[in-house]
Amino acid sequence: MAIAYVVIAGGATIYRLAEIAMSPNLRISMPVQEFWPQIPASAGVEGPTAQVVSGGFTEALVEVQGLASGTRWLLGAGELLQGIAALFIGAAVISMCNGHLKNSSFRPALVKWFSAAAVVIVVCGLVWQVLEGIAGLQASEQVLGVVGAHWDTASMGRESLNDIIGQLEPSGFALQVNFWPLWAGLGLFTTAQIFKRGLEMQKDTAGLI
């Protein structure tokens, strides 16, 4: 199962990188200014029994065409870091299972794999969130950065762009970073130390009955 996970994770990473590099349309999550669609004052709506008085959407999952190459590079780097983290975790599990099958659960290689996986998951887990967050901010500016608009006010009976479509606006600079990679890395590092201690005890008791 661990080997299958590594193969699938590696294949998915390669596929996603190829998609980011070559596909004209990309699916991306981008932040937006807090938004809720506004109904024109002249419109009458029946049915709702409750109304939104504040709050709204702050993130949109969309398929975008025409993203800048720099934004694509950030997305690709984030996907690559995710793939690296997944591969290291899978390799650590494979090493652990391999040692169990050989009746040698405590091995130096296992300590190294879990220690390396701990570092990789912390670094990659935090950096990929920052890269994808910056890519989302850039996409928000590219998609929603309206600098002008015009329409026939007389025929449409609307006074502003917001009255027509409920215009979304790009979000300000605000990155959201979850710190779960720190706790996952700490767990992996602690596991590595447990195996290291087990290896020391195994050496101390070698040859004893």
N, C-alpha and C. Protein backbone atom coordinates (compact mmCIF):
# COMPACT_ATOMS: atom_id res chain seq x y z
N MET A 1 0.83 -1.21 0.00
CA MET A 1 0.00 0.00 0.00
C MET A 1 0.86 1.26 0.00
N ALA A 2 1.96 1.24 0.76
CA ALA A 2 2.86 2.40 0.79
C ALA A 2 3.51 2.62 -0.57
N ILE A 3 3.91 1.52 -1.21
CA ILE A 3 4.50 1.64 -2.55
C ILE A 3 3.49 2.20 -3.54
N ALA A 4 2.26 1.71 -3.46
CA ALA A 4 1.20 2.22 -4.34
C ALA A 4 0.96 3.70 -4.09
N TYR A 5 1.01 4.10 -2.82
CA TYR A 5 0.83 5.52 -2.47
C TYR A 5 1.92 6.38 -3.10
N VAL A 6 3.18 5.90 -3.02
CA VAL A 6 4.30 6.65 -3.59
C VAL A 6 4.14 6.77 -5.11
N VAL A 7 3.76 5.68 -5.76
CA VAL A 7 3.58 5.70 -7.21
C VAL A 7 2.46 6.65 -7.60
N ILE A 8 1.33 6.57 -6.89
CA ILE A 8 0.19 7.44 -7.22
C ILE A 8 0.54 8.91 -6.94
N ALA A 9 1.18 9.17 -5.80
CA ALA A 9 1.55 10.54 -5.46
C ALA A 9 2.53 11.12 -6.48
N GLY A 10 3.52 10.30 -6.89
CA GLY A 10 4.47 10.76 -7.89
C GLY A 10 3.81 11.03 -9.23
N GLY A 11 2.93 10.10 -9.65
CA GLY A 11 2.22 10.29 -10.91
C GLY A 11 1.31 11.50 -10.89
N ALA A 12 0.61 11.70 -9.77
CA ALA A 12 -0.30 12.85 -9.65
C ALA A 12 0.48 14.17 -9.69
N THR A 13 1.66 14.17 -9.07
CA THR A 13 2.48 15.39 -9.07
C THR A 13 2.95 15.72 -10.49
N ILE A 14 3.43 14.70 -11.21
CA ILE A 14 3.88 14.90 -12.59
C ILE A 14 2.73 15.39 -13.47
N TYR A 15 1.56 14.78 -13.30
CA TYR A 15 0.39 15.18 -14.09
C TYR A 15 0.01 16.63 -13.81
N ARG A 16 0.01 17.00 -12.53
CA ARG A 16 -0.38 18.36 -12.15
C ARG A 16 0.64 19.38 -12.67
N LEU A 17 1.92 19.05 -12.61
CA LEU A 17 2.94 19.96 -13.13
C LEU A 17 2.79 20.14 -14.64
N ALA A 18 2.50 19.04 -15.35
CA ALA A 18 2.29 19.14 -16.80
C ALA A 18 1.05 19.98 -17.11
N GLU A 19 0.01 19.81 -16.30
CA GLU A 19 -1.22 20.59 -16.50
C GLU A 19 -0.96 22.08 -16.28
N ILE A 20 -0.21 22.42 -15.22
CA ILE A 20 0.09 23.82 -14.94
C ILE A 20 0.93 24.42 -16.06
N ALA A 21 1.83 23.63 -16.63
CA ALA A 21 2.73 24.14 -17.67
C ALA A 21 2.04 24.30 -19.02
N MET A 22 1.08 23.43 -19.35
CA MET A 22 0.56 23.39 -20.71
C MET A 22 -0.92 23.74 -20.85
N SER A 23 -1.72 23.55 -19.81
CA SER A 23 -3.16 23.78 -19.95
C SER A 23 -3.47 25.28 -20.02
N PRO A 24 -4.32 25.71 -20.95
CA PRO A 24 -4.69 27.13 -21.02
C PRO A 24 -5.57 27.56 -19.84
N ASN A 25 -6.33 26.61 -19.30
CA ASN A 25 -7.20 26.92 -18.17
C ASN A 25 -6.70 26.20 -16.92
N LEU A 26 -6.66 26.92 -15.81
CA LEU A 26 -6.21 26.33 -14.55
C LEU A 26 -7.24 26.59 -13.46
N ARG A 27 -7.46 25.56 -12.64
CA ARG A 27 -8.36 25.70 -11.49
C ARG A 27 -7.53 26.19 -10.31
N ILE A 28 -7.96 27.27 -9.71
CA ILE A 28 -7.20 27.90 -8.64
C ILE A 28 -8.13 28.50 -7.60
N SER A 29 -7.69 28.46 -6.37
CA SER A 29 -8.44 29.09 -5.28
C SER A 29 -7.83 30.46 -5.03
N MET A 30 -8.64 31.50 -5.17
CA MET A 30 -8.12 32.86 -5.01
C MET A 30 -8.94 33.63 -3.98
N PRO A 31 -8.27 34.44 -3.16
CA PRO A 31 -8.99 35.23 -2.15
C PRO A 31 -9.66 36.44 -2.79
N VAL A 32 -10.77 36.87 -2.21
CA VAL A 32 -11.49 38.06 -2.68
C VAL A 32 -11.90 38.90 -1.48
N GLN A 33 -12.18 40.17 -1.74
CA GLN A 33 -12.74 40.99 -0.68
C GLN A 33 -14.08 40.41 -0.26
N GLU A 34 -14.37 40.49 1.02
CA GLU A 34 -15.63 39.92 1.52
C GLU A 34 -16.79 40.40 0.66
N PHE A 35 -17.56 39.45 0.19
CA PHE A 35 -18.56 39.77 -0.85
C PHE A 35 -19.83 38.96 -0.64
N TRP A 36 -20.96 39.63 -0.90
CA TRP A 36 -22.25 38.94 -1.00
C TRP A 36 -23.04 39.61 -2.11
N PRO A 37 -23.61 38.84 -3.05
CA PRO A 37 -24.32 39.45 -4.19
C PRO A 37 -25.43 40.40 -3.74
N GLN A 38 -25.48 41.57 -4.40
CA GLN A 38 -26.48 42.58 -4.08
C GLN A 38 -27.57 42.59 -5.15
N ILE A 39 -28.80 42.59 -4.70
CA ILE A 39 -29.93 42.68 -5.63
C ILE A 39 -30.25 44.15 -5.84
N PRO A 40 -30.44 44.61 -7.10
CA PRO A 40 -30.78 46.01 -7.35
C PRO A 40 -32.01 46.45 -6.55
N ALA A 41 -32.00 47.69 -6.11
CA ALA A 41 -33.08 48.20 -5.27
C ALA A 41 -34.43 48.12 -5.96
N SER A 42 -34.42 48.19 -7.30
CA SER A 42 -35.69 48.17 -8.04
C SER A 42 -36.27 46.77 -8.20
N ALA A 43 -35.49 45.74 -7.83
CA ALA A 43 -35.95 44.36 -8.02
C ALA A 43 -36.75 43.89 -6.81
N GLY A 44 -37.72 43.03 -7.06
CA GLY A 44 -38.52 42.44 -6.00
C GLY A 44 -38.30 40.93 -5.97
N VAL A 45 -38.01 40.39 -4.81
CA VAL A 45 -37.74 38.96 -4.68
C VAL A 45 -38.65 38.38 -3.61
N GLU A 46 -39.24 37.23 -3.90
CA GLU A 46 -40.12 36.56 -2.95
C GLU A 46 -39.56 35.19 -2.60
N GLY A 47 -39.75 34.75 -1.39
CA GLY A 47 -39.33 33.42 -1.00
C GLY A 47 -38.45 33.36 0.22
N PRO A 48 -37.30 34.04 0.22
CA PRO A 48 -36.39 33.93 1.37
C PRO A 48 -37.05 34.40 2.66
N THR A 49 -36.82 33.67 3.71
CA THR A 49 -37.35 34.05 5.02
C THR A 49 -36.27 34.63 5.93
N ALA A 50 -35.04 34.66 5.45
CA ALA A 50 -33.94 35.25 6.22
C ALA A 50 -33.05 36.02 5.26
N GLN A 51 -32.33 36.99 5.79
CA GLN A 51 -31.48 37.84 4.97
C GLN A 51 -30.07 37.92 5.54
N VAL A 52 -29.10 37.98 4.66
CA VAL A 52 -27.71 38.20 5.07
C VAL A 52 -27.52 39.68 5.34
N VAL A 53 -27.05 40.01 6.53
CA VAL A 53 -26.86 41.41 6.90
C VAL A 53 -25.38 41.79 6.93
N SER A 54 -24.49 40.81 7.02
CA SER A 54 -23.06 41.11 6.97
C SER A 54 -22.30 39.83 6.63
N GLY A 55 -21.04 39.98 6.24
CA GLY A 55 -20.24 38.81 5.89
C GLY A 55 -20.46 38.39 4.45
N GLY A 56 -19.83 37.29 4.07
CA GLY A 56 -19.96 36.79 2.71
C GLY A 56 -18.77 35.94 2.32
N PHE A 57 -18.59 35.76 1.02
CA PHE A 57 -17.50 34.95 0.50
C PHE A 57 -16.17 35.68 0.66
N THR A 58 -15.13 34.96 1.00
CA THR A 58 -13.78 35.53 1.04
C THR A 58 -12.81 34.73 0.17
N GLU A 59 -13.31 33.70 -0.47
CA GLU A 59 -12.47 32.86 -1.32
C GLU A 59 -13.31 32.27 -2.43
N ALA A 60 -12.73 32.17 -3.61
CA ALA A 60 -13.46 31.63 -4.76
C ALA A 60 -12.60 30.57 -5.44
N LEU A 61 -13.21 29.42 -5.72
CA LEU A 61 -12.54 28.34 -6.46
C LEU A 61 -13.01 28.44 -7.90
N VAL A 62 -12.10 28.83 -8.79
CA VAL A 62 -12.49 29.13 -10.16
C VAL A 62 -11.52 28.50 -11.16
N GLU A 63 -11.95 28.43 -12.40
CA GLU A 63 -11.09 28.00 -13.49
C GLU A 63 -10.73 29.24 -14.29
N VAL A 64 -9.44 29.52 -14.39
CA VAL A 64 -8.98 30.79 -14.95
C VAL A 64 -8.19 30.56 -16.23
N GLN A 65 -8.40 31.44 -17.18
CA GLN A 65 -7.63 31.41 -18.43
C GLN A 65 -6.77 32.67 -18.49
N GLY A 66 -5.55 32.53 -18.95
CA GLY A 66 -4.69 33.69 -19.14
C GLY A 66 -3.87 34.09 -17.93
N LEU A 67 -3.61 33.15 -17.01
CA LEU A 67 -2.77 33.47 -15.86
C LEU A 67 -1.36 33.82 -16.30
N ALA A 68 -0.73 34.75 -15.59
CA ALA A 68 0.64 35.14 -15.91
C ALA A 68 1.59 33.98 -15.65
N SER A 69 2.69 33.96 -16.37
CA SER A 69 3.66 32.87 -16.24
C SER A 69 4.24 32.80 -14.83
N GLY A 70 4.45 33.96 -14.19
CA GLY A 70 4.96 33.96 -12.82
C GLY A 70 4.03 33.26 -11.85
N THR A 71 2.73 33.45 -12.04
CA THR A 71 1.73 32.79 -11.19
C THR A 71 1.76 31.28 -11.43
N ARG A 72 1.92 30.89 -12.68
CA ARG A 72 2.02 29.46 -12.99
C ARG A 72 3.26 28.84 -12.33
N TRP A 73 4.38 29.57 -12.34
CA TRP A 73 5.59 29.07 -11.69
C TRP A 73 5.36 28.86 -10.20
N LEU A 74 4.67 29.78 -9.56
CA LEU A 74 4.39 29.64 -8.12
C LEU A 74 3.51 28.42 -7.86
N LEU A 75 2.48 28.24 -8.70
CA LEU A 75 1.61 27.06 -8.55
C LEU A 75 2.40 25.78 -8.75
N GLY A 76 3.26 25.77 -9.78
CA GLY A 76 4.06 24.59 -10.05
C GLY A 76 5.02 24.27 -8.91
N ALA A 77 5.66 25.30 -8.34
CA ALA A 77 6.57 25.09 -7.22
C ALA A 77 5.82 24.55 -6.01
N GLY A 78 4.62 25.06 -5.76
CA GLY A 78 3.82 24.56 -4.65
C GLY A 78 3.45 23.10 -4.83
N GLU A 79 3.04 22.73 -6.05
CA GLU A 79 2.70 21.34 -6.33
C GLU A 79 3.91 20.43 -6.19
N LEU A 80 5.08 20.90 -6.63
CA LEU A 80 6.30 20.10 -6.53
C LEU A 80 6.65 19.84 -5.06
N LEU A 81 6.53 20.87 -4.21
CA LEU A 81 6.83 20.70 -2.80
C LEU A 81 5.85 19.72 -2.14
N GLN A 82 4.57 19.79 -2.53
CA GLN A 82 3.60 18.82 -2.01
C GLN A 82 4.00 17.40 -2.39
N GLY A 83 4.41 17.23 -3.66
CA GLY A 83 4.81 15.90 -4.12
C GLY A 83 6.03 15.39 -3.39
N ILE A 84 7.01 16.26 -3.15
CA ILE A 84 8.22 15.85 -2.43
C ILE A 84 7.87 15.41 -1.02
N ALA A 85 7.03 16.17 -0.34
CA ALA A 85 6.63 15.80 1.02
C ALA A 85 5.93 14.45 1.04
N ALA A 86 5.03 14.22 0.07
CA ALA A 86 4.30 12.95 0.01
C ALA A 86 5.26 11.79 -0.24
N LEU A 87 6.24 11.99 -1.12
CA LEU A 87 7.19 10.92 -1.43
C LEU A 87 8.07 10.57 -0.23
N PHE A 88 8.50 11.57 0.53
CA PHE A 88 9.33 11.30 1.70
C PHE A 88 8.53 10.54 2.77
N ILE A 89 7.29 10.93 2.96
CA ILE A 89 6.46 10.22 3.95
C ILE A 89 6.26 8.78 3.51
N GLY A 90 5.95 8.58 2.22
CA GLY A 90 5.77 7.22 1.71
C GLY A 90 7.03 6.39 1.84
N ALA A 91 8.19 7.00 1.55
CA ALA A 91 9.45 6.28 1.66
C ALA A 91 9.73 5.87 3.10
N ALA A 92 9.41 6.74 4.05
CA ALA A 92 9.61 6.40 5.46
C ALA A 92 8.75 5.22 5.87
N VAL A 93 7.49 5.21 5.40
CA VAL A 93 6.59 4.09 5.73
C VAL A 93 7.09 2.80 5.09
N ILE A 94 7.56 2.90 3.84
CA ILE A 94 8.10 1.71 3.16
C ILE A 94 9.29 1.15 3.93
N SER A 95 10.19 2.03 4.39
CA SER A 95 11.35 1.59 5.16
C SER A 95 10.92 0.90 6.45
N MET A 96 9.90 1.45 7.11
CA MET A 96 9.42 0.86 8.36
C MET A 96 8.82 -0.53 8.11
N CYS A 97 8.00 -0.63 7.06
CA CYS A 97 7.38 -1.92 6.74
C CYS A 97 8.42 -2.95 6.31
N ASN A 98 9.42 -2.50 5.57
CA ASN A 98 10.47 -3.39 5.11
C ASN A 98 11.25 -3.96 6.29
N GLY A 99 11.54 -3.11 7.27
CA GLY A 99 12.23 -3.58 8.47
C GLY A 99 11.41 -4.57 9.25
N HIS A 100 10.10 -4.33 9.32
CA HIS A 100 9.22 -5.26 10.04
C HIS A 100 9.19 -6.62 9.36
N LEU A 101 9.13 -6.62 8.02
CA LEU A 101 9.10 -7.88 7.28
C LEU A 101 10.39 -8.67 7.45
N LYS A 102 11.50 -7.97 7.67
CA LYS A 102 12.80 -8.62 7.84
C LYS A 102 13.12 -8.86 9.31
N ASN A 103 12.12 -8.65 10.18
CA ASN A 103 12.31 -8.82 11.63
C ASN A 103 13.44 -7.94 12.17
N SER A 104 13.55 -6.76 11.60
CA SER A 104 14.56 -5.80 12.05
C SER A 104 13.92 -4.42 12.10
N SER A 105 13.08 -4.24 13.10
CA SER A 105 12.29 -3.01 13.18
C SER A 105 13.13 -1.78 13.46
N PHE A 106 14.23 -1.95 14.21
CA PHE A 106 15.08 -0.81 14.57
C PHE A 106 16.33 -0.82 13.71
N ARG A 107 16.39 0.12 12.76
CA ARG A 107 17.51 0.19 11.83
C ARG A 107 17.93 1.64 11.66
N PRO A 108 19.23 1.89 11.40
CA PRO A 108 19.69 3.27 11.18
C PRO A 108 18.98 3.94 10.01
N ALA A 109 18.69 3.17 8.95
CA ALA A 109 18.03 3.75 7.77
C ALA A 109 16.66 4.29 8.13
N LEU A 110 15.97 3.59 9.03
CA LEU A 110 14.63 4.03 9.42
C LEU A 110 14.68 5.35 10.18
N VAL A 111 15.67 5.47 11.06
CA VAL A 111 15.84 6.73 11.80
C VAL A 111 16.11 7.87 10.83
N LYS A 112 16.95 7.63 9.82
CA LYS A 112 17.28 8.67 8.85
C LYS A 112 16.07 9.07 8.02
N TRP A 113 15.28 8.07 7.59
CA TRP A 113 14.11 8.37 6.77
C TRP A 113 13.09 9.19 7.54
N PHE A 114 12.81 8.82 8.79
CA PHE A 114 11.81 9.56 9.56
C PHE A 114 12.32 10.95 9.93
N SER A 115 13.62 11.08 10.20
CA SER A 115 14.18 12.40 10.50
C SER A 115 14.10 13.30 9.26
N ALA A 116 14.45 12.73 8.11
CA ALA A 116 14.38 13.50 6.86
C ALA A 116 12.94 13.88 6.53
N ALA A 117 12.02 12.93 6.72
CA ALA A 117 10.61 13.21 6.44
C ALA A 117 10.08 14.32 7.36
N ALA A 118 10.55 14.35 8.61
CA ALA A 118 10.12 15.39 9.55
C ALA A 118 10.54 16.77 9.05
N VAL A 119 11.79 16.88 8.61
CA VAL A 119 12.28 18.17 8.11
C VAL A 119 11.55 18.57 6.83
N VAL A 120 11.39 17.61 5.92
CA VAL A 120 10.76 17.89 4.63
C VAL A 120 9.31 18.31 4.82
N ILE A 121 8.56 17.64 5.67
CA ILE A 121 7.15 17.97 5.84
C ILE A 121 6.97 19.34 6.44
N VAL A 122 7.88 19.75 7.35
CA VAL A 122 7.79 21.08 7.93
C VAL A 122 8.11 22.15 6.89
N VAL A 123 9.25 21.99 6.21
CA VAL A 123 9.69 23.00 5.23
C VAL A 123 8.73 23.06 4.05
N CYS A 124 8.48 21.90 3.43
CA CYS A 124 7.61 21.88 2.25
C CYS A 124 6.17 22.27 2.61
N GLY A 125 5.70 21.78 3.76
CA GLY A 125 4.32 22.06 4.14
C GLY A 125 4.04 23.53 4.36
N LEU A 126 5.01 24.25 4.92
CA LEU A 126 4.83 25.69 5.14
C LEU A 126 5.08 26.49 3.87
N VAL A 127 6.15 26.15 3.14
CA VAL A 127 6.50 26.92 1.95
C VAL A 127 5.45 26.77 0.86
N TRP A 128 4.91 25.56 0.67
CA TRP A 128 3.93 25.40 -0.41
C TRP A 128 2.67 26.20 -0.11
N GLN A 129 2.29 26.34 1.17
CA GLN A 129 1.13 27.17 1.50
C GLN A 129 1.39 28.63 1.16
N VAL A 130 2.60 29.10 1.45
CA VAL A 130 2.95 30.49 1.14
C VAL A 130 2.94 30.72 -0.37
N LEU A 131 3.54 29.79 -1.13
CA LEU A 131 3.60 29.93 -2.58
C LEU A 131 2.21 29.92 -3.20
N GLU A 132 1.37 28.99 -2.78
CA GLU A 132 0.01 28.92 -3.32
C GLU A 132 -0.82 30.12 -2.90
N GLY A 133 -0.56 30.63 -1.68
CA GLY A 133 -1.26 31.83 -1.23
C GLY A 133 -0.90 33.03 -2.08
N ILE A 134 0.39 33.19 -2.38
CA ILE A 134 0.83 34.30 -3.23
C ILE A 134 0.26 34.14 -4.64
N ALA A 135 0.26 32.91 -5.15
CA ALA A 135 -0.32 32.66 -6.48
C ALA A 135 -1.80 33.02 -6.50
N GLY A 136 -2.52 32.69 -5.43
CA GLY A 136 -3.93 33.05 -5.35
C GLY A 136 -4.14 34.55 -5.33
N LEU A 137 -3.29 35.28 -4.60
CA LEU A 137 -3.38 36.73 -4.56
C LEU A 137 -3.11 37.34 -5.94
N GLN A 138 -2.11 36.79 -6.62
CA GLN A 138 -1.82 37.28 -7.97
C GLN A 138 -2.98 37.01 -8.93
N ALA A 139 -3.56 35.80 -8.83
CA ALA A 139 -4.70 35.47 -9.68
C ALA A 139 -5.88 36.40 -9.39
N SER A 140 -6.08 36.72 -8.12
CA SER A 140 -7.16 37.62 -7.74
C SER A 140 -6.99 38.99 -8.38
N GLU A 141 -5.75 39.51 -8.39
CA GLU A 141 -5.48 40.79 -9.02
C GLU A 141 -5.68 40.72 -10.53
N GLN A 142 -5.23 39.61 -11.14
CA GLN A 142 -5.33 39.49 -12.59
C GLN A 142 -6.77 39.33 -13.06
N VAL A 143 -7.58 38.63 -12.29
CA VAL A 143 -8.96 38.36 -12.69
C VAL A 143 -9.90 39.51 -12.32
N LEU A 144 -9.67 40.11 -11.16
CA LEU A 144 -10.65 41.07 -10.61
C LEU A 144 -10.17 42.51 -10.62
N GLY A 145 -8.97 42.75 -11.12
CA GLY A 145 -8.45 44.12 -11.10
C GLY A 145 -9.09 45.00 -12.18
N VAL A 146 -10.36 45.34 -12.02
CA VAL A 146 -11.09 46.17 -12.99
C VAL A 146 -10.61 47.61 -12.87
N VAL A 147 -10.22 48.22 -14.00
CA VAL A 147 -9.76 49.61 -13.99
C VAL A 147 -10.76 50.54 -14.66
N GLY A 148 -11.79 49.97 -15.27
CA GLY A 148 -12.80 50.81 -15.90
C GLY A 148 -13.96 49.96 -16.41
N ALA A 149 -15.12 50.58 -16.56
CA ALA A 149 -16.31 49.88 -17.08
C ALA A 149 -17.27 50.91 -17.66
N HIS A 150 -18.08 50.46 -18.62
CA HIS A 150 -19.08 51.38 -19.20
C HIS A 150 -20.28 50.56 -19.64
N TRP A 151 -21.44 51.19 -19.63
CA TRP A 151 -22.68 50.55 -20.04
C TRP A 151 -23.72 51.63 -20.29
N ASP A 152 -24.84 51.24 -20.89
CA ASP A 152 -25.93 52.17 -21.19
C ASP A 152 -26.82 52.26 -19.96
N THR A 153 -26.65 53.31 -19.16
CA THR A 153 -27.43 53.46 -17.93
C THR A 153 -28.92 53.57 -18.22
N ALA A 154 -29.27 54.29 -19.28
CA ALA A 154 -30.68 54.53 -19.58
C ALA A 154 -31.42 53.23 -19.89
N SER A 155 -30.81 52.36 -20.70
CA SER A 155 -31.49 51.14 -21.10
C SER A 155 -31.46 50.07 -20.01
N MET A 156 -30.44 50.08 -19.18
CA MET A 156 -30.31 49.05 -18.16
C MET A 156 -30.89 49.48 -16.82
N GLY A 157 -30.99 50.77 -16.60
CA GLY A 157 -31.57 51.25 -15.35
C GLY A 157 -30.72 50.95 -14.13
N ARG A 158 -29.42 50.87 -14.32
CA ARG A 158 -28.49 50.58 -13.22
C ARG A 158 -27.50 51.73 -13.11
N GLU A 159 -27.12 52.06 -11.90
CA GLU A 159 -26.25 53.20 -11.67
C GLU A 159 -24.78 52.82 -11.48
N SER A 160 -24.52 51.58 -11.10
CA SER A 160 -23.13 51.20 -10.83
C SER A 160 -22.87 49.79 -11.33
N LEU A 161 -21.59 49.48 -11.45
CA LEU A 161 -21.20 48.14 -11.89
C LEU A 161 -21.70 47.09 -10.91
N ASN A 162 -21.68 47.41 -9.63
CA ASN A 162 -22.14 46.47 -8.61
C ASN A 162 -23.62 46.16 -8.77
N ASP A 163 -24.39 47.14 -9.25
CA ASP A 163 -25.82 46.91 -9.48
C ASP A 163 -26.05 45.92 -10.61
N ILE A 164 -25.08 45.81 -11.52
CA ILE A 164 -25.26 44.94 -12.67
C ILE A 164 -24.89 43.49 -12.35
N ILE A 165 -23.72 43.28 -11.82
CA ILE A 165 -23.26 41.92 -11.64
C ILE A 165 -22.79 41.61 -10.21
N GLY A 166 -22.72 42.59 -9.36
CA GLY A 166 -22.16 42.36 -8.03
C GLY A 166 -20.67 42.13 -8.16
N GLN A 167 -19.92 43.17 -8.48
CA GLN A 167 -18.51 43.03 -8.84
C GLN A 167 -17.64 42.60 -7.66
N LEU A 168 -16.94 41.48 -7.83
CA LEU A 168 -15.95 41.05 -6.85
C LEU A 168 -14.72 41.93 -6.95
N GLU A 169 -14.01 42.09 -5.85
CA GLU A 169 -12.78 42.88 -5.84
C GLU A 169 -11.63 42.02 -5.33
N PRO A 170 -10.41 42.27 -5.83
CA PRO A 170 -9.26 41.48 -5.35
C PRO A 170 -9.02 41.70 -3.87
N SER A 171 -8.52 40.66 -3.23
CA SER A 171 -8.25 40.72 -1.80
C SER A 171 -6.97 41.49 -1.55
N GLY A 172 -6.88 42.09 -0.35
CA GLY A 172 -5.63 42.70 0.08
C GLY A 172 -4.62 41.62 0.41
N PHE A 173 -3.40 42.03 0.76
CA PHE A 173 -2.34 41.07 1.04
C PHE A 173 -2.61 40.40 2.38
N ALA A 174 -3.11 39.17 2.33
CA ALA A 174 -3.40 38.42 3.56
C ALA A 174 -3.22 36.94 3.26
N LEU A 175 -2.13 36.36 3.75
CA LEU A 175 -1.86 34.94 3.55
C LEU A 175 -2.39 34.14 4.73
N GLN A 176 -3.00 33.01 4.45
CA GLN A 176 -3.46 32.10 5.49
C GLN A 176 -2.56 30.87 5.48
N VAL A 177 -1.88 30.67 6.58
CA VAL A 177 -0.95 29.54 6.69
C VAL A 177 -1.37 28.68 7.87
N ASN A 178 -1.65 27.41 7.59
CA ASN A 178 -1.95 26.45 8.66
C ASN A 178 -0.64 25.85 9.15
N PHE A 179 -0.55 25.67 10.46
CA PHE A 179 0.70 25.20 11.04
C PHE A 179 0.69 23.70 11.34
N TRP A 180 -0.21 22.96 10.68
CA TRP A 180 -0.22 21.52 10.89
C TRP A 180 1.10 20.85 10.47
N PRO A 181 1.85 21.39 9.45
CA PRO A 181 3.14 20.73 9.15
C PRO A 181 4.10 20.72 10.33
N LEU A 182 4.03 21.73 11.20
CA LEU A 182 4.89 21.74 12.37
C LEU A 182 4.59 20.57 13.28
N TRP A 183 3.29 20.32 13.52
CA TRP A 183 2.89 19.23 14.41
C TRP A 183 3.15 17.87 13.75
N ALA A 184 2.91 17.79 12.44
CA ALA A 184 3.21 16.53 11.74
C ALA A 184 4.71 16.25 11.76
N GLY A 185 5.52 17.30 11.53
CA GLY A 185 6.97 17.13 11.58
C GLY A 185 7.45 16.75 12.95
N LEU A 186 6.85 17.35 13.98
CA LEU A 186 7.22 17.00 15.35
C LEU A 186 6.89 15.54 15.65
N GLY A 187 5.73 15.09 15.16
CA GLY A 187 5.36 13.69 15.37
C GLY A 187 6.33 12.74 14.68
N LEU A 188 6.72 13.08 13.44
CA LEU A 188 7.67 12.23 12.72
C LEU A 188 9.05 12.25 13.39
N PHE A 189 9.47 13.43 13.85
CA PHE A 189 10.78 13.51 14.51
C PHE A 189 10.77 12.72 15.82
N THR A 190 9.66 12.80 16.56
CA THR A 190 9.54 12.03 17.80
C THR A 190 9.59 10.54 17.50
N THR A 191 8.92 10.11 16.43
CA THR A 191 8.96 8.71 16.02
C THR A 191 10.39 8.29 15.68
N ALA A 192 11.13 9.18 14.99
CA ALA A 192 12.52 8.87 14.66
C ALA A 192 13.36 8.68 15.91
N GLN A 193 13.12 9.51 16.93
CA GLN A 193 13.88 9.39 18.18
C GLN A 193 13.53 8.09 18.92
N ILE A 194 12.25 7.69 18.83
CA ILE A 194 11.85 6.42 19.45
C ILE A 194 12.58 5.26 18.79
N PHE A 195 12.63 5.27 17.46
CA PHE A 195 13.35 4.21 16.75
C PHE A 195 14.85 4.28 17.04
N LYS A 196 15.38 5.48 17.18
CA LYS A 196 16.80 5.62 17.51
C LYS A 196 17.10 5.02 18.88
N ARG A 197 16.21 5.30 19.84
CA ARG A 197 16.39 4.74 21.18
C ARG A 197 16.25 3.22 21.15
N GLY A 198 15.30 2.73 20.36
CA GLY A 198 15.14 1.29 20.23
C GLY A 198 16.36 0.64 19.62
N LEU A 199 16.99 1.33 18.64
CA LEU A 199 18.20 0.82 18.02
C LEU A 199 19.34 0.73 19.04
N GLU A 200 19.45 1.75 19.90
CA GLU A 200 20.48 1.74 20.94
C GLU A 200 20.27 0.60 21.94
N MET A 201 19.00 0.41 22.33
CA MET A 201 18.69 -0.67 23.26
C MET A 201 18.94 -2.02 22.61
N GLN A 202 18.65 -2.12 21.31
CA GLN A 202 18.88 -3.38 20.60
C GLN A 202 20.37 -3.72 20.58
N LYS A 203 21.22 -2.71 20.40
CA LYS A 203 22.67 -2.93 20.40
C LYS A 203 23.15 -3.31 21.81
N ASP A 204 22.56 -2.65 22.83
CA ASP A 204 22.99 -2.93 24.20
C ASP A 204 22.65 -4.36 24.64
N THR A 205 21.55 -4.87 24.10
CA THR A 205 21.09 -6.21 24.53
C THR A 205 21.51 -7.31 23.56
N ALA A 206 22.26 -6.93 22.52
CA ALA A 206 22.68 -7.95 21.53
C ALA A 206 23.53 -9.03 22.21
N GLY A 207 23.17 -10.30 22.00
CA GLY A 207 23.92 -11.43 22.56
C GLY A 207 23.48 -11.84 23.94
N LEU A 208 22.59 -11.03 24.56
CA LEU A 208 22.09 -11.40 25.89
C LEU A 208 20.94 -12.38 25.77
N ILE A 209 20.78 -13.23 26.75
CA ILE A 209 19.67 -14.19 26.75
C ILE A 209 18.67 -13.73 27.81
